[in-house]
Amino acid sequence: MSILFDVLTWIFLIGGSFFSIVGGIGILRMPEFYSRLHGGGVTDTLGAALIIFALMFQTGVTLATVKLAIILFFLLIVSPSSCHALAKSAINQGLKPIVDNPDH
């Protein structure tokens, strides 16, 4: 059973690292604020959640797992909310999204 947890841990760690790296590249490569915000917000949440799941597999059923679950809960609430607040603030300050087709 320990080997199964180790394999799952590595899968989640590699997956979380992949999404975090892709999110960082997306922040650097995207052309404007809103697409950068979307690329960073989605992949940041998923990458961090997968890494926390990997840590949960390694700690087993302990108090540390409960603490990680609480951190995961707050992460899943706060990260999308902060991205929404940033986008709404940018819209309120007059930052318009860049669209490919200006006729629409």
PDB file of N, CA and C in Angstrom:
ATOM      1  N   MET A   1       0.820  -1.197   0.000  1.00  0.00           N
ATOM      2  CA  MET A   1       0.000   0.000   0.000  1.00  0.00           C
ATOM      3  C   MET A   1       0.865   1.261   0.000  1.00  0.00           C
ATOM      4  N   SER A   2       2.016   1.194   0.613  1.00  0.00           N
ATOM      5  CA  SER A   2       2.927   2.330   0.656  1.00  0.00           C
ATOM      6  C   SER A   2       3.433   2.691  -0.740  1.00  0.00           C
ATOM      7  N   ILE A   3       3.667   1.665  -1.551  1.00  0.00           N
ATOM      8  CA  ILE A   3       4.148   1.923  -2.911  1.00  0.00           C
ATOM      9  C   ILE A   3       3.054   2.616  -3.722  1.00  0.00           C
ATOM     10  N   LEU A   4       1.807   2.218  -3.526  1.00  0.00           N
ATOM     11  CA  LEU A   4       0.695   2.864  -4.216  1.00  0.00           C
ATOM     12  C   LEU A   4       0.604   4.341  -3.837  1.00  0.00           C
ATOM     13  N   PHE A   5       0.747   4.660  -2.556  1.00  0.00           N
ATOM     14  CA  PHE A   5       0.724   6.059  -2.130  1.00  0.00           C
ATOM     15  C   PHE A   5       1.900   6.831  -2.697  1.00  0.00           C
ATOM     16  N   ASP A   6       3.055   6.196  -2.784  1.00  0.00           N
ATOM     17  CA  ASP A   6       4.213   6.862  -3.367  1.00  0.00           C
ATOM     18  C   ASP A   6       4.002   7.154  -4.853  1.00  0.00           C
ATOM     19  N   VAL A   7       3.427   6.201  -5.563  1.00  0.00           N
ATOM     20  CA  VAL A   7       3.158   6.405  -6.992  1.00  0.00           C
ATOM     21  C   VAL A   7       2.125   7.520  -7.182  1.00  0.00           C
ATOM     22  N   LEU A   8       1.053   7.497  -6.389  1.00  0.00           N
ATOM     23  CA  LEU A   8       0.054   8.561  -6.477  1.00  0.00           C
ATOM     24  C   LEU A   8       0.646   9.923  -6.111  1.00  0.00           C
ATOM     25  N   THR A   9       1.517   9.926  -5.123  1.00  0.00           N
ATOM     26  CA  THR A   9       2.173  11.175  -4.733  1.00  0.00           C
ATOM     27  C   THR A   9       2.977  11.740  -5.888  1.00  0.00           C
ATOM     28  N   TRP A  10       3.757  10.890  -6.541  1.00  0.00           N
ATOM     29  CA  TRP A  10       4.571  11.363  -7.664  1.00  0.00           C
ATOM     30  C   TRP A  10       3.705  11.829  -8.823  1.00  0.00           C
ATOM     31  N   ILE A  11       2.605  11.137  -9.089  1.00  0.00           N
ATOM     32  CA  ILE A  11       1.714  11.553 -10.174  1.00  0.00           C
ATOM     33  C   ILE A  11       1.135  12.932  -9.882  1.00  0.00           C
ATOM     34  N   PHE A  12       0.664  13.122  -8.653  1.00  0.00           N
ATOM     35  CA  PHE A  12       0.098  14.424  -8.292  1.00  0.00           C
ATOM     36  C   PHE A  12       1.160  15.521  -8.245  1.00  0.00           C
ATOM     37  N   LEU A  13       2.352  15.204  -7.759  1.00  0.00           N
ATOM     38  CA  LEU A  13       3.417  16.206  -7.732  1.00  0.00           C
ATOM     39  C   LEU A  13       3.841  16.616  -9.138  1.00  0.00           C
ATOM     40  N   ILE A  14       3.996  15.651 -10.012  1.00  0.00           N
ATOM     41  CA  ILE A  14       4.386  15.972 -11.386  1.00  0.00           C
ATOM     42  C   ILE A  14       3.271  16.740 -12.088  1.00  0.00           C
ATOM     43  N   GLY A  15       2.024  16.316 -11.890  1.00  0.00           N
ATOM     44  CA  GLY A  15       0.903  17.037 -12.485  1.00  0.00           C
ATOM     45  C   GLY A  15       0.789  18.459 -11.964  1.00  0.00           C
ATOM     46  N   GLY A  16       0.911  18.634 -10.649  1.00  0.00           N
ATOM     47  CA  GLY A  16       0.855  19.975 -10.069  1.00  0.00           C
ATOM     48  C   GLY A  16       1.992  20.860 -10.525  1.00  0.00           C
ATOM     49  N   SER A  17       3.176  20.285 -10.620  1.00  0.00           N
ATOM     50  CA  SER A  17       4.329  21.048 -11.110  1.00  0.00           C
ATOM     51  C   SER A  17       4.138  21.447 -12.564  1.00  0.00           C
ATOM     52  N   PHE A  18       3.612  20.519 -13.361  1.00  0.00           N
ATOM     53  CA  PHE A  18       3.365  20.819 -14.773  1.00  0.00           C
ATOM     54  C   PHE A  18       2.401  21.990 -14.914  1.00  0.00           C
ATOM     55  N   PHE A  19       1.279  21.941 -14.210  1.00  0.00           N
ATOM     56  CA  PHE A  19       0.303  23.026 -14.325  1.00  0.00           C
ATOM     57  C   PHE A  19       0.851  24.336 -13.793  1.00  0.00           C
ATOM     58  N   SER A  20       1.653  24.291 -12.751  1.00  0.00           N
ATOM     59  CA  SER A  20       2.243  25.526 -12.226  1.00  0.00           C
ATOM     60  C   SER A  20       3.231  26.132 -13.216  1.00  0.00           C
ATOM     61  N   ILE A  21       4.025  25.294 -13.841  1.00  0.00           N
ATOM     62  CA  ILE A  21       4.993  25.794 -14.833  1.00  0.00           C
ATOM     63  C   ILE A  21       4.269  26.334 -16.061  1.00  0.00           C
ATOM     64  N   VAL A  22       3.243  25.619 -16.526  1.00  0.00           N
ATOM     65  CA  VAL A  22       2.469  26.091 -17.678  1.00  0.00           C
ATOM     66  C   VAL A  22       1.799  27.426 -17.346  1.00  0.00           C
ATOM     67  N   GLY A  23       1.311  27.578 -16.126  1.00  0.00           N
ATOM     68  CA  GLY A  23       0.720  28.847 -15.715  1.00  0.00           C
ATOM     69  C   GLY A  23       1.729  29.984 -15.709  1.00  0.00           C
ATOM     70  N   GLY A  24       2.935  29.698 -15.238  1.00  0.00           N
ATOM     71  CA  GLY A  24       3.979  30.722 -15.266  1.00  0.00           C
ATOM     72  C   GLY A  24       4.359  31.121 -16.680  1.00  0.00           C
ATOM     73  N   ILE A  25       4.447  30.141 -17.555  1.00  0.00           N
ATOM     74  CA  ILE A  25       4.743  30.440 -18.962  1.00  0.00           C
ATOM     75  C   ILE A  25       3.585  31.223 -19.583  1.00  0.00           C
ATOM     76  N   GLY A  26       2.352  30.850 -19.225  1.00  0.00           N
ATOM     77  CA  GLY A  26       1.192  31.562 -19.743  1.00  0.00           C
ATOM     78  C   GLY A  26       1.166  33.016 -19.310  1.00  0.00           C
ATOM     79  N   ILE A  27       1.567  33.281 -18.083  1.00  0.00           N
ATOM     80  CA  ILE A  27       1.611  34.666 -17.601  1.00  0.00           C
ATOM     81  C   ILE A  27       2.635  35.474 -18.411  1.00  0.00           C
ATOM     82  N   LEU A  28       3.730  34.860 -18.749  1.00  0.00           N
ATOM     83  CA  LEU A  28       4.760  35.557 -19.516  1.00  0.00           C
ATOM     84  C   LEU A  28       4.402  35.713 -20.991  1.00  0.00           C
ATOM     85  N   ARG A  29       3.715  34.753 -21.573  1.00  0.00           N
ATOM     86  CA  ARG A  29       3.516  34.732 -23.014  1.00  0.00           C
ATOM     87  C   ARG A  29       2.200  35.331 -23.491  1.00  0.00           C
ATOM     88  N   MET A  30       1.217  35.422 -22.635  1.00  0.00           N
ATOM     89  CA  MET A  30      -0.089  35.932 -23.073  1.00  0.00           C
ATOM     90  C   MET A  30       0.009  37.418 -23.396  1.00  0.00           C
ATOM     91  N   PRO A  31      -0.806  37.886 -24.358  1.00  0.00           N
ATOM     92  CA  PRO A  31      -0.625  39.245 -24.870  1.00  0.00           C
ATOM     93  C   PRO A  31      -1.200  40.367 -24.002  1.00  0.00           C
ATOM     94  N   GLU A  32      -2.216  40.105 -23.201  1.00  0.00           N
ATOM     95  CA  GLU A  32      -2.833  41.209 -22.459  1.00  0.00           C
ATOM     96  C   GLU A  32      -3.249  40.773 -21.065  1.00  0.00           C
ATOM     97  N   PHE A  33      -3.675  41.720 -20.263  1.00  0.00           N
ATOM     98  CA  PHE A  33      -3.929  41.511 -18.839  1.00  0.00           C
ATOM     99  C   PHE A  33      -4.933  40.411 -18.555  1.00  0.00           C
ATOM    100  N   TYR A  34      -6.061  40.422 -19.240  1.00  0.00           N
ATOM    101  CA  TYR A  34      -7.138  39.478 -18.920  1.00  0.00           C
ATOM    102  C   TYR A  34      -6.771  38.038 -19.265  1.00  0.00           C
ATOM    103  N   SER A  35      -6.084  37.839 -20.370  1.00  0.00           N
ATOM    104  CA  SER A  35      -5.664  36.476 -20.701  1.00  0.00           C
ATOM    105  C   SER A  35      -4.554  36.017 -19.752  1.00  0.00           C
ATOM    106  N   ARG A  36      -3.698  36.909 -19.327  1.00  0.00           N
ATOM    107  CA  ARG A  36      -2.691  36.559 -18.329  1.00  0.00           C
ATOM    108  C   ARG A  36      -3.347  36.192 -17.003  1.00  0.00           C
ATOM    109  N   LEU A  37      -4.344  36.941 -16.636  1.00  0.00           N
ATOM    110  CA  LEU A  37      -5.065  36.676 -15.392  1.00  0.00           C
ATOM    111  C   LEU A  37      -5.741  35.317 -15.437  1.00  0.00           C
ATOM    112  N   HIS A  38      -6.346  34.994 -16.559  1.00  0.00           N
ATOM    113  CA  HIS A  38      -7.010  33.703 -16.707  1.00  0.00           C
ATOM    114  C   HIS A  38      -5.997  32.563 -16.700  1.00  0.00           C
ATOM    115  N   GLY A  39      -4.929  32.719 -17.463  1.00  0.00           N
ATOM    116  CA  GLY A  39      -3.905  31.668 -17.526  1.00  0.00           C
ATOM    117  C   GLY A  39      -3.243  31.413 -16.185  1.00  0.00           C
ATOM    118  N   GLY A  40      -2.987  32.455 -15.469  1.00  0.00           N
ATOM    119  CA  GLY A  40      -2.354  32.295 -14.157  1.00  0.00           C
ATOM    120  C   GLY A  40      -3.307  31.790 -13.092  1.00  0.00           C
ATOM    121  N   GLY A  41      -4.533  32.272 -13.100  1.00  0.00           N
ATOM    122  CA  GLY A  41      -5.483  31.912 -12.054  1.00  0.00           C
ATOM    123  C   GLY A  41      -5.928  30.461 -12.101  1.00  0.00           C
ATOM    124  N   VAL A  42      -6.219  29.980 -13.288  1.00  0.00           N
ATOM    125  CA  VAL A  42      -6.715  28.610 -13.420  1.00  0.00           C
ATOM    126  C   VAL A  42      -5.603  27.608 -13.116  1.00  0.00           C
ATOM    127  N   THR A  43      -4.457  27.798 -13.730  1.00  0.00           N
ATOM    128  CA  THR A  43      -3.378  26.821 -13.552  1.00  0.00           C
ATOM    129  C   THR A  43      -2.767  26.902 -12.162  1.00  0.00           C
ATOM    130  N   ASP A  44      -2.765  28.084 -11.563  1.00  0.00           N
ATOM    131  CA  ASP A  44      -2.242  28.228 -10.204  1.00  0.00           C
ATOM    132  C   ASP A  44      -3.091  27.437  -9.219  1.00  0.00           C
ATOM    133  N   THR A  45      -4.390  27.540  -9.341  1.00  0.00           N
ATOM    134  CA  THR A  45      -5.287  26.821  -8.437  1.00  0.00           C
ATOM    135  C   THR A  45      -5.157  25.316  -8.618  1.00  0.00           C
ATOM    136  N   LEU A  46      -5.163  24.864  -9.856  1.00  0.00           N
ATOM    137  CA  LEU A  46      -5.069  23.427 -10.113  1.00  0.00           C
ATOM    138  C   LEU A  46      -3.708  22.878  -9.705  1.00  0.00           C
ATOM    139  N   GLY A  47      -2.633  23.597 -10.033  1.00  0.00           N
ATOM    140  CA  GLY A  47      -1.301  23.126  -9.666  1.00  0.00           C
ATOM    141  C   GLY A  47      -1.111  23.029  -8.168  1.00  0.00           C
ATOM    142  N   ALA A  48      -1.528  24.046  -7.442  1.00  0.00           N
ATOM    143  CA  ALA A  48      -1.388  24.023  -5.987  1.00  0.00           C
ATOM    144  C   ALA A  48      -2.279  22.948  -5.363  1.00  0.00           C
ATOM    145  N   ALA A  49      -3.478  22.751  -5.905  1.00  0.00           N
ATOM    146  CA  ALA A  49      -4.370  21.717  -5.370  1.00  0.00           C
ATOM    147  C   ALA A  49      -3.765  20.328  -5.562  1.00  0.00           C
ATOM    148  N   LEU A  50      -3.197  20.069  -6.720  1.00  0.00           N
ATOM    149  CA  LEU A  50      -2.584  18.761  -6.953  1.00  0.00           C
ATOM    150  C   LEU A  50      -1.383  18.527  -6.034  1.00  0.00           C
ATOM    151  N   ILE A  51      -0.600  19.557  -5.815  1.00  0.00           N
ATOM    152  CA  ILE A  51       0.552  19.420  -4.919  1.00  0.00           C
ATOM    153  C   ILE A  51       0.088  19.181  -3.483  1.00  0.00           C
ATOM    154  N   ILE A  52      -0.975  19.853  -3.068  1.00  0.00           N
ATOM    155  CA  ILE A  52      -1.506  19.622  -1.721  1.00  0.00           C
ATOM    156  C   ILE A  52      -2.064  18.215  -1.594  1.00  0.00           C
ATOM    157  N   PHE A  53      -2.736  17.716  -2.640  1.00  0.00           N
ATOM    158  CA  PHE A  53      -3.198  16.327  -2.616  1.00  0.00           C
ATOM    159  C   PHE A  53      -2.025  15.361  -2.464  1.00  0.00           C
ATOM    160  N   ALA A  54      -0.926  15.632  -3.151  1.00  0.00           N
ATOM    161  CA  ALA A  54       0.257  14.775  -3.029  1.00  0.00           C
ATOM    162  C   ALA A  54       0.785  14.786  -1.600  1.00  0.00           C
ATOM    163  N   LEU A  55       0.799  15.948  -0.985  1.00  0.00           N
ATOM    164  CA  LEU A  55       1.242  16.027   0.404  1.00  0.00           C
ATOM    165  C   LEU A  55       0.296  15.279   1.338  1.00  0.00           C
ATOM    166  N   MET A  56      -0.990  15.311   1.015  1.00  0.00           N
ATOM    167  CA  MET A  56      -1.965  14.582   1.834  1.00  0.00           C
ATOM    168  C   MET A  56      -1.727  13.075   1.763  1.00  0.00           C
ATOM    169  N   PHE A  57      -1.374  12.575   0.583  1.00  0.00           N
ATOM    170  CA  PHE A  57      -1.067  11.149   0.458  1.00  0.00           C
ATOM    171  C   PHE A  57       0.151  10.771   1.301  1.00  0.00           C
ATOM    172  N   GLN A  58       1.124  11.654   1.397  1.00  0.00           N
ATOM    173  CA  GLN A  58       2.332  11.341   2.152  1.00  0.00           C
ATOM    174  C   GLN A  58       2.139  11.432   3.654  1.00  0.00           C
ATOM    175  N   THR A  59       1.243  12.305   4.114  1.00  0.00           N
ATOM    176  CA  THR A  59       1.076  12.453   5.563  1.00  0.00           C
ATOM    177  C   THR A  59       0.166  11.397   6.163  1.00  0.00           C
ATOM    178  N   GLY A  60      -0.685  10.781   5.329  1.00  0.00           N
ATOM    179  CA  GLY A  60      -1.596   9.776   5.884  1.00  0.00           C
ATOM    180  C   GLY A  60      -2.748  10.451   6.618  1.00  0.00           C
ATOM    181  N   VAL A  61      -3.400   9.711   7.491  1.00  0.00           N
ATOM    182  CA  VAL A  61      -4.527  10.257   8.253  1.00  0.00           C
ATOM    183  C   VAL A  61      -3.994  10.813   9.566  1.00  0.00           C
ATOM    184  N   THR A  62      -3.600  12.083   9.531  1.00  0.00           N
ATOM    185  CA  THR A  62      -3.050  12.746  10.712  1.00  0.00           C
ATOM    186  C   THR A  62      -3.636  14.157  10.814  1.00  0.00           C
ATOM    187  N   LEU A  63      -3.211  14.866  11.820  1.00  0.00           N
ATOM    188  CA  LEU A  63      -3.618  16.257  11.968  1.00  0.00           C
ATOM    189  C   LEU A  63      -3.070  17.107  10.821  1.00  0.00           C
ATOM    190  N   ALA A  64      -1.908  16.742  10.305  1.00  0.00           N
ATOM    191  CA  ALA A  64      -1.328  17.479   9.178  1.00  0.00           C
ATOM    192  C   ALA A  64      -2.231  17.388   7.943  1.00  0.00           C
ATOM    193  N   THR A  65      -2.882  16.247   7.749  1.00  0.00           N
ATOM    194  CA  THR A  65      -3.800  16.097   6.620  1.00  0.00           C
ATOM    195  C   THR A  65      -5.008  17.013   6.776  1.00  0.00           C
ATOM    196  N   VAL A  66      -5.503  17.142   7.970  1.00  0.00           N
ATOM    197  CA  VAL A  66      -6.621  18.052   8.225  1.00  0.00           C
ATOM    198  C   VAL A  66      -6.202  19.495   7.939  1.00  0.00           C
ATOM    199  N   LYS A  67      -5.015  19.863   8.358  1.00  0.00           N
ATOM    200  CA  LYS A  67      -4.519  21.210   8.090  1.00  0.00           C
ATOM    201  C   LYS A  67      -4.346  21.450   6.594  1.00  0.00           C
ATOM    202  N   LEU A  68      -3.842  20.444   5.876  1.00  0.00           N
ATOM    203  CA  LEU A  68      -3.708  20.566   4.427  1.00  0.00           C
ATOM    204  C   LEU A  68      -5.073  20.688   3.755  1.00  0.00           C
ATOM    205  N   ALA A  69      -6.074  19.971   4.266  1.00  0.00           N
ATOM    206  CA  ALA A  69      -7.424  20.066   3.707  1.00  0.00           C
ATOM    207  C   ALA A  69      -8.005  21.461   3.929  1.00  0.00           C
ATOM    208  N   ILE A  70      -7.728  22.051   5.078  1.00  0.00           N
ATOM    209  CA  ILE A  70      -8.199  23.413   5.351  1.00  0.00           C
ATOM    210  C   ILE A  70      -7.504  24.404   4.417  1.00  0.00           C
ATOM    211  N   ILE A  71      -6.209  24.226   4.224  1.00  0.00           N
ATOM    212  CA  ILE A  71      -5.472  25.089   3.294  1.00  0.00           C
ATOM    213  C   ILE A  71      -6.031  24.940   1.883  1.00  0.00           C
ATOM    214  N   LEU A  72      -6.312  23.710   1.476  1.00  0.00           N
ATOM    215  CA  LEU A  72      -6.878  23.463   0.151  1.00  0.00           C
ATOM    216  C   LEU A  72      -8.241  24.130   0.006  1.00  0.00           C
ATOM    217  N   PHE A  73      -9.066  24.023   1.026  1.00  0.00           N
ATOM    218  CA  PHE A  73     -10.385  24.659   0.984  1.00  0.00           C
ATOM    219  C   PHE A  73     -10.248  26.166   0.778  1.00  0.00           C
ATOM    220  N   PHE A  74      -9.401  26.813   1.573  1.00  0.00           N
ATOM    221  CA  PHE A  74      -9.229  28.260   1.429  1.00  0.00           C
ATOM    222  C   PHE A  74      -8.607  28.620   0.088  1.00  0.00           C
ATOM    223  N   LEU A  75      -7.703  27.801  -0.398  1.00  0.00           N
ATOM    224  CA  LEU A  75      -7.095  28.053  -1.704  1.00  0.00           C
ATOM    225  C   LEU A  75      -8.146  28.007  -2.811  1.00  0.00           C
ATOM    226  N   LEU A  76      -9.028  27.019  -2.753  1.00  0.00           N
ATOM    227  CA  LEU A  76     -10.052  26.892  -3.783  1.00  0.00           C
ATOM    228  C   LEU A  76     -11.091  28.006  -3.713  1.00  0.00           C
ATOM    229  N   ILE A  77     -11.232  28.647  -2.579  1.00  0.00           N
ATOM    230  CA  ILE A  77     -12.158  29.775  -2.448  1.00  0.00           C
ATOM    231  C   ILE A  77     -11.469  31.097  -2.809  1.00  0.00           C
ATOM    232  N   VAL A  78     -10.274  31.306  -2.301  1.00  0.00           N
ATOM    233  CA  VAL A  78      -9.612  32.606  -2.409  1.00  0.00           C
ATOM    234  C   VAL A  78      -9.009  32.853  -3.791  1.00  0.00           C
ATOM    235  N   SER A  79      -8.418  31.864  -4.405  1.00  0.00           N
ATOM    236  CA  SER A  79      -7.738  32.090  -5.679  1.00  0.00           C
ATOM    237  C   SER A  79      -8.697  32.527  -6.789  1.00  0.00           C
ATOM    238  N   PRO A  80      -9.795  31.825  -7.036  1.00  0.00           N
ATOM    239  CA  PRO A  80     -10.725  32.326  -8.060  1.00  0.00           C
ATOM    240  C   PRO A  80     -11.359  33.672  -7.683  1.00  0.00           C
ATOM    241  N   SER A  81     -11.614  33.858  -6.400  1.00  0.00           N
ATOM    242  CA  SER A  81     -12.211  35.133  -5.960  1.00  0.00           C
ATOM    243  C   SER A  81     -11.252  36.293  -6.186  1.00  0.00           C
ATOM    244  N   SER A  82      -9.975  36.080  -5.935  1.00  0.00           N
ATOM    245  CA  SER A  82      -9.007  37.159  -6.149  1.00  0.00           C
ATOM    246  C   SER A  82      -8.840  37.462  -7.635  1.00  0.00           C
ATOM    247  N   CYS A  83      -8.875  36.441  -8.481  1.00  0.00           N
ATOM    248  CA  CYS A  83      -8.807  36.684  -9.934  1.00  0.00           C
ATOM    249  C   CYS A  83     -10.026  37.477 -10.398  1.00  0.00           C
ATOM    250  N   HIS A  84     -11.189  37.133  -9.883  1.00  0.00           N
ATOM    251  CA  HIS A  84     -12.405  37.864 -10.237  1.00  0.00           C
ATOM    252  C   HIS A  84     -12.317  39.315  -9.756  1.00  0.00           C
ATOM    253  N   ALA A  85     -11.825  39.521  -8.543  1.00  0.00           N
ATOM    254  CA  ALA A  85     -11.711  40.880  -8.007  1.00  0.00           C
ATOM    255  C   ALA A  85     -10.720  41.713  -8.826  1.00  0.00           C
ATOM    256  N   LEU A  86      -9.610  41.111  -9.240  1.00  0.00           N
ATOM    257  CA  LEU A  86      -8.647  41.835 -10.080  1.00  0.00           C
ATOM    258  C   LEU A  86      -9.252  42.207 -11.427  1.00  0.00           C
ATOM    259  N   ALA A  87      -9.970  41.288 -12.033  1.00  0.00           N
ATOM    260  CA  ALA A  87     -10.593  41.568 -13.333  1.00  0.00           C
ATOM    261  C   ALA A  87     -11.659  42.650 -13.205  1.00  0.00           C
ATOM    262  N   LYS A  88     -12.463  42.573 -12.157  1.00  0.00           N
ATOM    263  CA  LYS A  88     -13.508  43.572 -11.959  1.00  0.00           C
ATOM    264  C   LYS A  88     -12.901  44.954 -11.689  1.00  0.00           C
ATOM    265  N   SER A  89     -11.823  44.983 -10.936  1.00  0.00           N
ATOM    266  CA  SER A  89     -11.142  46.246 -10.669  1.00  0.00           C
ATOM    267  C   SER A  89     -10.555  46.841 -11.946  1.00  0.00           C
ATOM    268  N   ALA A  90      -9.990  45.993 -12.778  1.00  0.00           N
ATOM    269  CA  ALA A  90      -9.426  46.474 -14.040  1.00  0.00           C
ATOM    270  C   ALA A  90     -10.521  47.026 -14.950  1.00  0.00           C
ATOM    271  N   ILE A  91     -11.659  46.342 -15.006  1.00  0.00           N
ATOM    272  CA  ILE A  91     -12.790  46.837 -15.809  1.00  0.00           C
ATOM    273  C   ILE A  91     -13.272  48.182 -15.263  1.00  0.00           C
ATOM    274  N   ASN A  92     -13.392  48.292 -13.937  1.00  0.00           N
ATOM    275  CA  ASN A  92     -13.861  49.541 -13.331  1.00  0.00           C
ATOM    276  C   ASN A  92     -12.885  50.690 -13.553  1.00  0.00           C
ATOM    277  N   GLN A  93     -11.614  50.390 -13.688  1.00  0.00           N
ATOM    278  CA  GLN A  93     -10.618  51.433 -13.927  1.00  0.00           C
ATOM    279  C   GLN A  93     -10.477  51.776 -15.413  1.00  0.00           C
ATOM    280  N   GLY A  94     -11.218  51.066 -16.259  1.00  0.00           N
ATOM    281  CA  GLY A  94     -11.243  51.421 -17.673  1.00  0.00           C
ATOM    282  C   GLY A  94     -10.328  50.602 -18.568  1.00  0.00           C
ATOM    283  N   LEU A  95      -9.748  49.544 -18.067  1.00  0.00           N
ATOM    284  CA  LEU A  95      -8.888  48.699 -18.898  1.00  0.00           C
ATOM    285  C   LEU A  95      -9.773  47.788 -19.744  1.00  0.00           C
ATOM    286  N   LYS A  96      -9.753  48.030 -21.049  1.00  0.00           N
ATOM    287  CA  LYS A  96     -10.597  47.266 -21.961  1.00  0.00           C
ATOM    288  C   LYS A  96      -9.852  46.028 -22.451  1.00  0.00           C
ATOM    289  N   PRO A  97     -10.573  44.906 -22.599  1.00  0.00           N
ATOM    290  CA  PRO A  97      -9.942  43.717 -23.169  1.00  0.00           C
ATOM    291  C   PRO A  97      -9.616  43.939 -24.645  1.00  0.00           C
ATOM    292  N   ILE A  98      -8.530  43.364 -25.089  1.00  0.00           N
ATOM    293  CA  ILE A  98      -8.154  43.425 -26.496  1.00  0.00           C
ATOM    294  C   ILE A  98      -8.809  42.238 -27.198  1.00  0.00           C
ATOM    295  N   VAL A  99      -9.569  42.514 -28.229  1.00  0.00           N
ATOM    296  CA  VAL A  99     -10.229  41.456 -28.981  1.00  0.00           C
ATOM    297  C   VAL A  99      -9.668  41.415 -30.395  1.00  0.00           C
ATOM    298  N   ASP A 100      -9.715  40.249 -31.010  1.00  0.00           N
ATOM    299  CA  ASP A 100      -9.178  40.091 -32.361  1.00  0.00           C
ATOM    300  C   ASP A 100     -10.038  40.786 -33.413  1.00  0.00           C
ATOM    301  N   ASN A 101     -11.349  40.720 -33.249  1.00  0.00           N
ATOM    302  CA  ASN A 101     -12.267  41.276 -34.218  1.00  0.00           C
ATOM    303  C   ASN A 101     -12.897  42.537 -33.638  1.00  0.00           C
ATOM    304  N   PRO A 102     -12.477  43.723 -34.046  1.00  0.00           N
ATOM    305  CA  PRO A 102     -12.999  44.963 -33.446  1.00  0.00           C
ATOM    306  C   PRO A 102     -14.429  45.280 -33.853  1.00  0.00           C
ATOM    307  N   ASP A 103     -15.011  44.537 -34.814  1.00  0.00           N
ATOM    308  CA  ASP A 103     -16.388  44.823 -35.240  1.00  0.00           C
ATOM    309  C   ASP A 103     -17.416  44.350 -34.224  1.00  0.00           C
ATOM    310  N   HIS A 104     -17.056  43.446 -33.328  1.00  0.00           N
ATOM    311  CA  HIS A 104     -18.026  42.898 -32.381  1.00  0.00           C
ATOM    312  C   HIS A 104     -17.892  43.536 -31.056  1.00  0.00           C
TER     313      HIS A 104
END
